Amino acid sequence: MLDSNKVSIKEKIGYAFGDGAANIAWRGVAAFLFIFYTDVFGLHPATVGMLMLVARFSDGVSDIAMGIIGDRTTSKYGKFRPWVLWTAIPLGVILSLLFTGPELSSTGKVVYAYITYILFTLIYTANNIPYGALMGVMTGNDKERTSIGSYRMVGAFGGGMLVQGALLFLVAYFGNIEPKININQLENKKYRVEVTASKDVENANIKTKDGIATFVWETLASDSDDNSPTIGKSFSMEAEKEYAFIVSGEKEITEDKLSLINQQKGYSNSMYLMSAFLVLFMFITFYSTKERILPPKTQKSNLKQDLKDLVANKPWVILLVIGLLFNVYNSIKQGIVVIYFTHYLNNQLLAASFMVGLMLASIAGAMITAPLGKKLGKRNLFIYALLFSGIVNALLVFCSPEDISGIFIIGILSEFASAIFPTLFFVMLGDAADYSEFKNGRRATGLIYSAGSFATKFGGGIAGAIIGLVLASFHYNGQDTAAIKGAIPGIVMLMSWVPSIIAAIAAVLMTFYPLTQKKLDEITLELNTRRTNES
């Protein structure tokens, strides 16, 4: 066994920080960009869905191009590590711009969204494909890669937990309006709350900090507004104009128990902070990792042959389709959570606790993947995880807004299994690279790993389009409370059985994956022998 097969725990942790950074970006976008676009920036849900789909059409070309560029990069740092360094700051900047809402016309907002979102996907490609390929050249042992993959996913879910768990609280902190508040106690344990802001606020949101009390307008701001009791109200404020609500459901409502925030300012400043963490984490990955596996010395650059080998690589082709499907599944679940908790449970901040619970379950799922994969085999484990996660997730259709415990339990169990998908997927891409070298005597690790970025981004785009089209079919409008109420059945569908159907399809297709553990052991032994003879 070659010494190059061993990777220290310190290096594995350093590598994991990179996916922590990537998931600050990706999960931040998946969980919050849709609701930011619709409820804060004011875009129509169908427009957002189409944007997310259209932006993905270039991904197949850009991802493969980045894989080719990575394979042909030559520097003292290696082929893939330098891209982690070069793209760290640009990725942080473009993430910040996504959540910046400039004052523009309706058309201007759409154009701004398209430009920034497409740039985000391109810069993410330039960062994430080399980052993923780096795992394939840190060691030549498929079991050691599985261990690195588990560390990677712990980092990924840690980054996701950071952004999904903290962002809504940061939005409340950075978006604090500091309004003038007058409170008068009424009969029947109700309160009249009157608020005034010193500046215009297009996206104000008022609620109690405990998130229990319900609000109704004392006088409707518009005849089209719905005045059903909800946990908080979202509305636009004019400077020095009084807005009055009747609040009930909590004892002793006082000024310090109320939260009135500027959602746009809150989202923007919060994501600026998250972008700083992203850049820092990428730097840690660059300085703590090392590339060890090189292409065969006899291999000459031949793009046509690399592409020919790629499309003939059956394990890679199947992984590409599976990766696309499970990313649609995960992205629908992530993309609808905040909307589900905001408009179905009427408790947006509870979404933060829910997402933290999911991330903790994800970390546990990632950590158990290596021992389970060793016992069951990667292909079988993938199939079992898809079926279990999908079936459990579908049970959410039976949960009412009062079934908080059931929603949390179902969500956590489903997420525990779904965490296994990406952990295995990126490890299995390394196996596909080994298979290509074993069969063809050539290795194009970056090109192989382009499937990972393509599946992640295009799957997210399809998921965004599905969310947008379903919500549009139910006439959802994030700034119209009556339209929101009518779209509740669509929101519940997207949270429950719609993604579960996709998971079932992926499980069936996974049965065709050809690399069993016995075959992988044979490949690893043969490649180690070849590399020893070359050294």
Protein backbone atom coordinates (compact mmCIF):
# COMPACT_ATOMS: atom_id res chain seq x y z
CA MET A 1 0.00 0.00 0.00
CA LEU A 2 1.40 3.39 -0.95
CA ASP A 3 2.03 6.03 1.72
CA SER A 4 0.18 8.47 -0.53
CA ASN A 5 -3.03 6.66 0.34
CA LYS A 6 -2.94 7.98 3.92
CA VAL A 7 -4.46 11.36 4.76
CA SER A 8 -4.18 12.88 8.23
CA ILE A 9 -7.22 13.87 10.26
CA LYS A 10 -5.96 17.46 10.25
CA GLU A 11 -5.97 17.51 6.45
CA LYS A 12 -9.41 15.91 6.29
CA ILE A 13 -10.77 18.61 8.59
CA GLY A 14 -9.08 21.30 6.51
CA TYR A 15 -10.66 19.86 3.38
CA ALA A 16 -14.05 19.81 5.11
CA PHE A 17 -13.90 23.58 5.66
CA GLY A 18 -14.11 24.03 1.90
CA ASP A 19 -17.51 22.38 1.69
CA GLY A 20 -18.55 24.34 4.76
CA ALA A 21 -17.81 27.45 2.71
CA ALA A 22 -19.54 26.09 -0.40
CA ASN A 23 -22.67 25.30 1.60
CA ILE A 24 -22.81 28.75 3.12
CA ALA A 25 -23.29 29.81 -0.49
CA TRP A 26 -25.34 26.93 -1.84
CA ARG A 27 -27.66 26.26 1.10
CA GLY A 28 -27.98 29.97 1.73
CA VAL A 29 -29.20 30.39 -1.83
CA ALA A 30 -31.33 27.24 -1.77
CA ALA A 31 -33.11 28.09 1.48
CA PHE A 32 -33.41 31.87 1.34
CA LEU A 33 -33.02 33.27 -2.18
CA PHE A 34 -36.49 32.26 -3.38
CA ILE A 35 -38.27 33.94 -0.48
CA PHE A 36 -35.92 36.93 -0.73
CA TYR A 37 -36.76 37.33 -4.42
CA THR A 38 -40.54 36.97 -3.95
CA ASP A 39 -41.26 38.47 -0.51
CA VAL A 40 -38.50 41.10 -0.29
CA PHE A 41 -37.29 41.95 -3.81
CA GLY A 42 -40.84 41.68 -5.20
CA LEU A 43 -40.36 39.25 -8.12
CA HIS A 44 -43.18 36.95 -9.28
CA PRO A 45 -42.64 33.28 -8.29
CA ALA A 46 -42.92 32.07 -11.90
CA THR A 47 -40.25 34.62 -12.88
CA VAL A 48 -37.98 33.32 -10.15
CA GLY A 49 -38.58 29.72 -11.14
CA MET A 50 -37.81 30.46 -14.78
CA LEU A 51 -34.68 32.39 -13.79
CA MET A 52 -33.38 29.43 -11.81
CA LEU A 53 -34.05 27.06 -14.69
CA VAL A 54 -32.69 29.27 -17.50
CA ALA A 55 -29.49 29.97 -15.58
CA ARG A 56 -28.80 26.23 -15.54
CA PHE A 57 -28.77 25.68 -19.30
CA SER A 58 -25.18 26.84 -19.53
CA ASP A 59 -24.07 24.63 -16.67
CA GLY A 60 -23.39 21.53 -18.72
CA VAL A 61 -20.94 23.44 -20.89
CA SER A 62 -19.38 25.52 -18.11
CA ASP A 63 -18.98 22.56 -15.77
CA ILE A 64 -17.28 20.38 -18.37
CA ALA A 65 -15.13 23.35 -19.43
CA MET A 66 -14.04 23.87 -15.82
CA GLY A 67 -13.23 20.20 -15.46
CA ILE A 68 -11.07 20.39 -18.57
CA ILE A 69 -9.36 23.57 -17.35
CA GLY A 70 -8.68 22.02 -13.94
CA ASP A 71 -7.13 18.90 -15.45
CA ARG A 72 -4.81 21.10 -17.53
CA THR A 73 -3.88 23.58 -14.82
CA THR A 74 -0.20 23.46 -13.87
CA SER A 75 1.12 25.32 -10.83
CA LYS A 76 3.37 24.78 -7.83
CA TYR A 77 0.19 24.24 -5.80
CA GLY A 78 -1.15 21.50 -8.07
CA LYS A 79 -4.05 21.32 -10.51
CA PHE A 80 -7.08 21.97 -8.29
CA ARG A 81 -5.95 23.66 -5.06
CA PRO A 82 -5.11 27.00 -6.70
CA TRP A 83 -8.69 27.38 -7.95
CA VAL A 84 -9.94 27.12 -4.37
CA LEU A 85 -7.73 30.13 -3.58
CA TRP A 86 -8.38 32.15 -6.73
CA THR A 87 -12.19 31.95 -6.52
CA ALA A 88 -12.68 32.41 -2.76
CA ILE A 89 -13.10 36.21 -2.76
CA PRO A 90 -15.13 36.39 -6.03
CA LEU A 91 -17.57 33.79 -4.67
CA GLY A 92 -18.03 35.76 -1.45
CA VAL A 93 -18.65 38.97 -3.39
CA ILE A 94 -21.22 37.52 -5.79
CA LEU A 95 -23.08 35.83 -2.92
CA SER A 96 -23.39 39.23 -1.26
CA LEU A 97 -24.68 40.81 -4.47
CA LEU A 98 -27.39 38.14 -4.79
CA PHE A 99 -28.95 39.37 -1.55
CA THR A 100 -28.53 43.06 -2.31
CA GLY A 101 -31.82 44.61 -3.45
CA PRO A 102 -31.12 47.86 -5.35
CA GLU A 103 -33.93 50.30 -6.09
CA LEU A 104 -34.84 49.46 -9.69
CA SER A 105 -37.86 49.23 -11.96
CA SER A 106 -39.65 45.89 -12.26
CA THR A 107 -37.70 45.11 -15.44
CA GLY A 108 -34.48 46.33 -13.86
CA LYS A 109 -34.96 43.97 -10.93
CA VAL A 110 -35.39 40.99 -13.26
CA VAL A 111 -32.27 41.95 -15.24
CA TYR A 112 -30.26 42.42 -12.03
CA ALA A 113 -31.44 39.04 -10.73
CA TYR A 114 -30.48 37.27 -13.97
CA ILE A 115 -27.01 38.87 -14.15
CA THR A 116 -26.07 38.24 -10.52
CA TYR A 117 -27.54 34.73 -10.41
CA ILE A 118 -25.82 33.58 -13.60
CA LEU A 119 -22.52 35.04 -12.39
CA PHE A 120 -23.01 33.20 -9.11
CA THR A 121 -23.45 29.86 -10.88
CA LEU A 122 -20.34 30.43 -13.03
CA ILE A 123 -18.09 31.44 -10.13
CA TYR A 124 -19.47 28.59 -8.03
CA THR A 125 -18.51 26.25 -10.88
CA ALA A 126 -14.96 27.61 -11.01
CA ASN A 127 -14.66 27.00 -7.27
CA ASN A 128 -16.59 23.80 -6.65
CA ILE A 129 -15.44 21.54 -9.47
CA PRO A 130 -11.74 21.90 -8.56
CA TYR A 131 -12.66 21.57 -4.88
CA GLY A 132 -14.52 18.33 -5.53
CA ALA A 133 -11.79 16.98 -7.80
CA LEU A 134 -9.23 17.71 -5.08
CA MET A 135 -10.66 14.83 -3.04
CA GLY A 136 -9.98 12.49 -5.97
CA VAL A 137 -6.25 13.29 -5.94
CA MET A 138 -5.66 13.47 -2.17
CA THR A 139 -5.51 9.64 -2.02
CA GLY A 140 -5.72 6.63 -4.29
CA ASN A 141 -7.64 4.46 -1.82
CA ASP A 142 -11.41 4.32 -2.29
CA LYS A 143 -12.03 3.53 1.41
CA GLU A 144 -9.84 6.44 2.48
CA ARG A 145 -11.83 8.63 0.08
CA THR A 146 -15.02 7.48 1.77
CA SER A 147 -13.55 8.69 5.06
CA ILE A 148 -12.61 12.05 3.50
CA GLY A 149 -16.11 12.21 2.04
CA SER A 150 -17.63 11.79 5.50
CA TYR A 151 -15.48 14.61 6.86
CA ARG A 152 -16.41 16.69 3.84
CA MET A 153 -20.11 16.24 4.43
CA VAL A 154 -19.76 17.05 8.13
CA GLY A 155 -18.17 20.30 6.98
CA ALA A 156 -20.87 20.81 4.38
CA PHE A 157 -23.69 20.34 6.85
CA GLY A 158 -21.83 22.45 9.41
CA GLY A 159 -21.70 25.31 6.90
CA GLY A 160 -25.35 24.72 6.08
CA MET A 161 -26.23 24.78 9.77
CA LEU A 162 -24.34 28.04 10.21
CA VAL A 163 -26.24 29.83 7.47
CA GLN A 164 -29.64 28.19 7.92
CA GLY A 165 -29.58 28.29 11.70
CA ALA A 166 -28.23 31.78 12.18
CA LEU A 167 -29.46 33.77 9.18
CA LEU A 168 -33.03 34.50 10.29
CA PHE A 169 -31.78 35.65 13.69
CA LEU A 170 -29.16 37.81 11.99
CA VAL A 171 -31.88 39.23 9.73
CA ALA A 172 -33.81 40.23 12.85
CA TYR A 173 -30.67 41.79 14.35
CA PHE A 174 -29.38 43.69 11.33
CA GLY A 175 -32.87 44.64 10.12
CA ASN A 176 -34.05 46.14 13.40
CA ILE A 177 -35.94 49.35 12.54
CA GLU A 178 -36.06 50.77 16.10
CA PRO A 179 -39.59 52.15 15.63
CA LYS A 180 -41.78 54.21 17.91
CA ILE A 181 -44.20 51.80 19.58
CA ASN A 182 -47.35 52.55 21.58
CA ILE A 183 -49.15 49.72 23.37
CA ASN A 184 -52.57 49.85 25.00
CA GLN A 185 -54.14 46.90 26.78
CA LEU A 186 -57.72 46.10 25.72
CA GLU A 187 -60.34 43.75 27.09
CA ASN A 188 -60.19 39.96 26.61
CA LYS A 189 -56.40 39.88 27.00
CA LYS A 190 -55.82 41.77 23.77
CA TYR A 191 -53.51 44.67 23.01
CA ARG A 192 -53.56 47.54 20.53
CA VAL A 193 -50.10 48.01 19.08
CA GLU A 194 -49.24 51.12 17.09
CA VAL A 195 -45.91 51.45 15.25
CA THR A 196 -44.24 54.32 13.41
CA ALA A 197 -40.90 54.37 11.54
CA SER A 198 -38.71 57.39 10.86
CA LYS A 199 -37.94 56.17 7.30
CA ASP A 200 -39.80 54.41 4.51
CA VAL A 201 -39.50 50.61 4.76
CA GLU A 202 -40.71 48.54 1.82
CA ASN A 203 -40.40 45.16 3.52
CA ALA A 204 -41.25 45.57 7.18
CA ASN A 205 -42.22 42.55 9.27
CA ILE A 206 -43.69 42.77 12.77
CA LYS A 207 -44.07 39.93 15.29
CA THR A 208 -43.38 39.16 18.92
CA LYS A 209 -39.93 37.83 19.74
CA ASP A 210 -41.45 34.66 21.20
CA GLY A 211 -43.36 34.12 17.98
CA ILE A 212 -46.63 33.15 19.69
CA ALA A 213 -48.96 36.16 19.53
CA THR A 214 -51.27 36.66 16.54
CA PHE A 215 -51.79 39.97 14.74
CA VAL A 216 -54.75 41.44 12.89
CA TRP A 217 -54.97 44.88 11.35
CA GLU A 218 -57.03 47.39 13.30
CA THR A 219 -57.80 48.98 9.94
CA LEU A 220 -56.84 47.29 6.68
CA ALA A 221 -54.12 49.10 4.76
CA SER A 222 -55.74 47.89 1.54
CA ASP A 223 -59.12 46.37 0.65
CA SER A 224 -57.27 43.41 -0.85
CA ASP A 225 -55.42 42.58 2.36
CA ASP A 226 -56.37 39.46 4.25
CA ASN A 227 -57.05 40.19 7.93
CA SER A 228 -56.97 36.65 9.29
CA PRO A 229 -54.93 36.27 12.52
CA THR A 230 -51.30 35.41 11.78
CA ILE A 231 -48.12 35.24 13.80
CA GLY A 232 -46.80 38.57 12.59
CA LYS A 233 -47.55 40.73 9.56
CA SER A 234 -45.45 41.80 6.57
CA PHE A 235 -46.20 45.19 5.02
CA SER A 236 -44.68 48.37 3.56
CA MET A 237 -44.27 51.41 5.83
CA GLU A 238 -44.25 55.10 5.02
CA ALA A 239 -42.15 57.40 7.18
CA GLU A 240 -44.01 58.81 10.20
CA LYS A 241 -47.26 57.02 9.29
CA GLU A 242 -48.99 55.11 12.08
CA TYR A 243 -49.84 51.41 11.64
CA ALA A 244 -52.09 49.74 14.22
CA PHE A 245 -52.70 46.06 15.04
CA ILE A 246 -54.76 44.09 17.52
CA VAL A 247 -52.48 41.53 19.16
CA SER A 248 -53.52 38.52 21.23
CA GLY A 249 -52.18 35.17 22.43
CA GLU A 250 -49.38 36.34 24.73
CA LYS A 251 -49.47 37.81 28.21
CA GLU A 252 -48.07 41.22 29.03
CA ILE A 253 -47.13 42.47 25.58
CA THR A 254 -44.48 45.14 26.09
CA GLU A 255 -42.31 47.16 23.73
CA ASP A 256 -39.24 44.98 24.33
CA LYS A 257 -41.21 41.88 23.32
CA LEU A 258 -41.97 43.21 19.83
CA SER A 259 -39.76 42.86 16.76
CA LEU A 260 -40.13 45.13 13.74
CA ILE A 261 -37.49 44.58 11.07
CA ASN A 262 -36.47 45.80 7.65
CA GLN A 263 -36.22 42.47 5.83
CA GLN A 264 -34.15 43.76 2.91
CA LYS A 265 -31.52 45.39 5.10
CA GLY A 266 -31.52 42.37 7.39
CA TYR A 267 -31.00 39.84 4.60
CA SER A 268 -28.29 41.91 2.90
CA ASN A 269 -26.17 42.60 5.97
CA SER A 270 -26.55 39.03 7.23
CA MET A 271 -25.33 37.57 3.94
CA TYR A 272 -22.40 40.01 3.85
CA LEU A 273 -21.26 38.50 7.16
CA MET A 274 -21.77 34.95 5.89
CA SER A 275 -19.71 35.76 2.79
CA ALA A 276 -16.77 36.75 5.00
CA PHE A 277 -16.90 33.34 6.70
CA LEU A 278 -17.03 31.70 3.26
CA VAL A 279 -13.80 33.36 2.15
CA LEU A 280 -12.02 32.48 5.40
CA PHE A 281 -13.03 28.81 5.18
CA MET A 282 -11.81 28.54 1.58
CA PHE A 283 -8.43 29.91 2.60
CA ILE A 284 -8.19 27.25 5.33
CA THR A 285 -8.85 24.49 2.78
CA PHE A 286 -6.22 25.80 0.40
CA TYR A 287 -3.47 26.00 3.01
CA SER A 288 -4.19 22.65 4.71
CA THR A 289 -4.55 20.19 1.80
CA LYS A 290 -2.18 18.46 -0.62
CA GLU A 291 -2.49 16.80 -4.02
CA ARG A 292 -0.83 13.34 -4.21
CA ILE A 293 -2.31 11.43 -7.17
CA LEU A 294 -1.12 12.47 -10.61
CA PRO A 295 -2.26 11.24 -14.05
CA PRO A 296 -0.16 8.38 -15.47
CA LYS A 297 3.23 9.70 -16.63
CA THR A 298 2.62 8.35 -20.12
CA GLN A 299 -0.68 10.21 -20.46
CA LYS A 300 -0.70 13.02 -23.03
CA SER A 301 -3.28 15.80 -23.19
CA ASN A 302 -6.04 14.71 -25.55
CA LEU A 303 -9.37 16.46 -25.04
CA LYS A 304 -11.18 14.40 -27.65
CA GLN A 305 -10.09 11.17 -25.97
CA ASP A 306 -11.02 12.51 -22.50
CA LEU A 307 -14.54 13.32 -23.68
CA LYS A 308 -14.84 9.97 -25.42
CA ASP A 309 -13.77 8.17 -22.24
CA LEU A 310 -16.23 10.26 -20.22
CA VAL A 311 -19.39 9.41 -22.18
CA ALA A 312 -18.34 5.73 -22.31
CA ASN A 313 -17.89 5.65 -18.52
CA LYS A 314 -21.09 3.87 -17.43
CA PRO A 315 -20.64 4.52 -13.68
CA TRP A 316 -20.20 8.25 -14.39
CA VAL A 317 -23.27 8.44 -16.65
CA ILE A 318 -25.47 6.78 -14.02
CA LEU A 319 -24.06 8.99 -11.26
CA LEU A 320 -24.78 12.08 -13.35
CA VAL A 321 -28.48 11.19 -13.57
CA ILE A 322 -28.71 10.09 -9.93
CA GLY A 323 -26.92 13.24 -8.78
CA LEU A 324 -29.35 15.38 -10.76
CA LEU A 325 -32.37 13.65 -9.24
CA PHE A 326 -31.29 13.68 -5.62
CA ASN A 327 -30.32 17.34 -5.92
CA VAL A 328 -33.79 18.14 -7.24
CA TYR A 329 -35.16 16.23 -4.24
CA ASN A 330 -32.98 18.02 -1.69
CA SER A 331 -33.32 21.44 -3.31
CA ILE A 332 -37.12 21.35 -3.32
CA LYS A 333 -37.10 20.44 0.37
CA GLN A 334 -34.60 23.18 1.21
CA GLY A 335 -36.18 25.80 -1.02
CA ILE A 336 -39.67 25.50 0.45
CA VAL A 337 -38.81 25.29 4.18
CA VAL A 338 -38.82 29.01 4.98
CA ILE A 339 -41.97 29.60 2.92
CA TYR A 340 -43.63 26.58 4.61
CA PHE A 341 -42.85 27.81 8.13
CA THR A 342 -43.61 31.44 7.31
CA HIS A 343 -46.98 30.96 5.64
CA TYR A 344 -48.25 27.51 6.74
CA LEU A 345 -47.07 27.44 10.35
CA ASN A 346 -47.06 31.26 10.60
CA ASN A 347 -43.76 31.13 12.48
CA GLN A 348 -40.73 32.04 10.38
CA LEU A 349 -38.15 31.95 13.18
CA LEU A 350 -39.16 28.37 13.98
CA ALA A 351 -37.75 27.52 10.55
CA ALA A 352 -34.28 28.31 11.91
CA SER A 353 -34.67 25.73 14.68
CA PHE A 354 -36.03 23.23 12.17
CA MET A 355 -33.07 23.73 9.82
CA VAL A 356 -30.59 23.41 12.68
CA GLY A 357 -32.26 20.12 13.57
CA LEU A 358 -31.93 18.99 9.96
CA MET A 359 -28.27 19.94 9.88
CA LEU A 360 -27.55 17.99 13.07
CA ALA A 361 -29.32 14.99 11.55
CA SER A 362 -27.28 15.52 8.37
CA ILE A 363 -24.00 15.50 10.28
CA ALA A 364 -25.03 12.22 11.95
CA GLY A 365 -25.98 10.78 8.56
CA ALA A 366 -22.66 11.80 7.03
CA MET A 367 -20.69 10.31 9.92
CA ILE A 368 -22.45 6.95 9.69
CA THR A 369 -22.07 6.71 5.90
CA ALA A 370 -18.55 5.26 5.94
CA PRO A 371 -19.30 2.31 8.29
CA LEU A 372 -22.65 1.62 6.64
CA GLY A 373 -21.11 1.81 3.19
CA LYS A 374 -18.43 -0.66 4.23
CA LYS A 375 -21.06 -3.08 5.51
CA LEU A 376 -23.76 -2.73 2.86
CA GLY A 377 -21.83 -1.46 -0.14
CA LYS A 378 -22.20 2.04 -1.56
CA ARG A 379 -24.80 1.18 -4.18
CA ASN A 380 -27.11 -0.68 -1.78
CA LEU A 381 -26.78 1.99 0.88
CA PHE A 382 -27.67 4.67 -1.68
CA ILE A 383 -30.84 2.81 -2.69
CA TYR A 384 -31.97 2.19 0.91
CA ALA A 385 -31.35 5.82 1.85
CA LEU A 386 -33.35 7.14 -1.12
CA LEU A 387 -36.34 4.95 -0.34
CA PHE A 388 -36.32 5.62 3.40
CA SER A 389 -35.91 9.39 3.08
CA GLY A 390 -38.59 9.71 0.39
CA ILE A 391 -41.20 7.58 2.16
CA VAL A 392 -40.71 9.38 5.48
CA ASN A 393 -40.79 12.82 3.86
CA ALA A 394 -44.12 12.09 2.18
CA LEU A 395 -45.71 11.77 5.64
CA LEU A 396 -45.53 15.57 6.02
CA VAL A 397 -48.70 15.79 3.93
CA PHE A 398 -50.65 14.58 6.97
CA CYS A 399 -49.27 17.25 9.36
CA SER A 400 -51.38 20.26 10.34
CA PRO A 401 -49.81 23.58 11.47
CA GLU A 402 -50.26 22.44 15.07
CA ASP A 403 -48.27 19.22 14.58
CA ILE A 404 -44.93 20.86 15.34
CA SER A 405 -43.39 17.79 16.98
CA GLY A 406 -44.46 15.54 14.11
CA ILE A 407 -43.08 17.94 11.51
CA PHE A 408 -39.73 18.07 13.31
CA ILE A 409 -39.51 14.29 13.75
CA ILE A 410 -40.43 13.53 10.13
CA GLY A 411 -38.09 16.20 8.79
CA ILE A 412 -35.14 15.05 10.91
CA LEU A 413 -35.59 11.35 10.05
CA SER A 414 -35.86 12.14 6.35
CA GLU A 415 -32.82 14.42 6.45
CA PHE A 416 -30.73 11.83 8.30
CA ALA A 417 -31.09 9.48 5.34
CA SER A 418 -30.81 12.17 2.66
CA ALA A 419 -27.43 13.26 4.07
CA ILE A 420 -26.07 9.96 2.81
CA PHE A 421 -26.76 10.93 -0.83
CA PRO A 422 -24.11 13.65 -1.32
CA THR A 423 -21.63 11.87 0.97
CA LEU A 424 -21.69 8.80 -1.25
CA PHE A 425 -22.08 10.70 -4.51
CA PHE A 426 -18.80 12.64 -4.37
CA VAL A 427 -16.93 9.57 -3.14
CA MET A 428 -18.37 7.52 -6.01
CA LEU A 429 -17.24 10.14 -8.54
CA GLY A 430 -13.70 9.37 -7.37
CA ASP A 431 -14.46 5.69 -7.94
CA ALA A 432 -15.60 6.57 -11.47
CA ALA A 433 -12.26 8.36 -12.05
CA ASP A 434 -10.43 5.24 -10.85
CA TYR A 435 -12.59 3.12 -13.17
CA SER A 436 -11.63 5.29 -16.14
CA GLU A 437 -7.92 5.01 -15.31
CA PHE A 438 -8.28 1.26 -14.76
CA LYS A 439 -10.09 0.69 -18.06
CA ASN A 440 -8.46 3.27 -20.34
CA GLY A 441 -5.08 4.02 -18.73
CA ARG A 442 -6.07 7.70 -18.59
CA ARG A 443 -7.30 9.90 -15.74
CA ALA A 444 -9.33 13.14 -16.06
CA THR A 445 -10.37 13.76 -12.45
CA GLY A 446 -11.61 17.31 -12.97
CA LEU A 447 -13.75 16.29 -15.92
CA ILE A 448 -15.25 13.41 -13.92
CA TYR A 449 -16.07 15.71 -11.00
CA SER A 450 -17.78 18.18 -13.31
CA ALA A 451 -20.80 15.88 -12.89
CA GLY A 452 -20.96 16.86 -9.24
CA SER A 453 -21.25 20.57 -9.90
CA PHE A 454 -23.56 20.09 -12.87
CA ALA A 455 -25.93 17.87 -10.90
CA THR A 456 -25.92 20.23 -7.93
CA LYS A 457 -26.60 23.38 -9.93
CA PHE A 458 -28.92 22.03 -12.60
CA GLY A 459 -30.82 20.01 -9.98
CA GLY A 460 -31.24 23.19 -7.97
CA GLY A 461 -32.46 24.99 -11.08
CA ILE A 462 -35.06 22.33 -11.85
CA ALA A 463 -36.14 22.42 -8.21
CA GLY A 464 -36.50 26.20 -8.34
CA ALA A 465 -38.58 25.93 -11.51
CA ILE A 466 -40.82 23.28 -9.92
CA ILE A 467 -41.33 25.42 -6.81
CA GLY A 468 -42.03 28.50 -8.90
CA LEU A 469 -44.48 26.76 -11.25
CA VAL A 470 -46.38 25.01 -8.45
CA LEU A 471 -46.68 28.21 -6.40
CA ALA A 472 -47.67 30.20 -9.49
CA SER A 473 -50.37 27.63 -10.30
CA PHE A 474 -51.83 28.36 -6.87
CA HIS A 475 -51.49 32.15 -7.51
CA TYR A 476 -48.89 32.66 -4.77
CA ASN A 477 -47.77 36.25 -4.15
CA GLY A 478 -45.43 36.72 -1.21
CA GLN A 479 -46.57 40.31 -0.73
CA ASP A 480 -50.33 39.55 -0.80
CA THR A 481 -51.69 37.78 2.28
CA ALA A 482 -54.88 36.63 0.52
CA ALA A 483 -52.86 35.01 -2.29
CA ILE A 484 -50.57 33.36 0.25
CA LYS A 485 -53.52 31.75 2.00
CA GLY A 486 -54.83 30.32 -1.27
CA ALA A 487 -51.43 28.81 -2.08
CA ILE A 488 -51.16 26.77 1.14
CA PRO A 489 -52.08 23.43 -0.58
CA GLY A 490 -49.25 23.94 -3.07
CA ILE A 491 -46.78 24.77 -0.29
CA VAL A 492 -47.73 21.56 1.55
CA MET A 493 -47.37 19.52 -1.66
CA LEU A 494 -43.86 20.85 -2.23
CA MET A 495 -42.87 20.12 1.35
CA SER A 496 -44.15 16.52 1.29
CA TRP A 497 -44.93 14.15 -1.55
CA VAL A 498 -43.66 16.05 -4.62
CA PRO A 499 -39.95 15.54 -3.78
CA SER A 500 -40.64 11.99 -2.58
CA ILE A 501 -41.67 10.91 -6.08
CA ILE A 502 -38.28 12.07 -7.37
CA ALA A 503 -36.45 10.08 -4.68
CA ALA A 504 -38.31 6.92 -5.71
CA ILE A 505 -37.28 7.37 -9.36
CA ALA A 506 -33.64 7.82 -8.32
CA ALA A 507 -33.73 4.64 -6.22
CA VAL A 508 -34.87 2.60 -9.23
CA LEU A 509 -32.14 4.01 -11.48
CA MET A 510 -29.46 3.38 -8.86
CA THR A 511 -29.97 -0.39 -9.25
CA PHE A 512 -28.14 -0.13 -12.61
CA TYR A 513 -24.87 1.20 -11.06
CA PRO A 514 -22.14 -1.38 -11.91
CA LEU A 515 -19.31 -0.78 -9.41
CA THR A 516 -19.70 -3.28 -6.57
CA GLN A 517 -17.27 -3.26 -3.63
CA LYS A 518 -15.60 -6.39 -5.02
CA LYS A 519 -14.95 -4.62 -8.31
CA LEU A 520 -13.63 -1.52 -6.52
CA ASP A 521 -11.17 -3.59 -4.48
CA GLU A 522 -9.89 -5.12 -7.72
CA ILE A 523 -9.48 -1.68 -9.31
CA THR A 524 -7.68 -0.21 -6.27
CA LEU A 525 -5.20 -3.09 -6.11
CA GLU A 526 -4.42 -2.88 -9.83
CA LEU A 527 -3.96 0.92 -9.84
CA ASN A 528 -1.69 0.80 -6.79
CA THR A 529 0.47 -1.76 -8.57
CA ARG A 530 0.69 0.43 -11.69
CA ARG A 531 1.61 3.54 -9.66
CA THR A 532 4.28 1.64 -7.74
CA ASN A 533 5.85 0.47 -11.00
CA GLU A 534 5.82 4.03 -12.38
CA SER A 535 7.47 5.58 -9.32
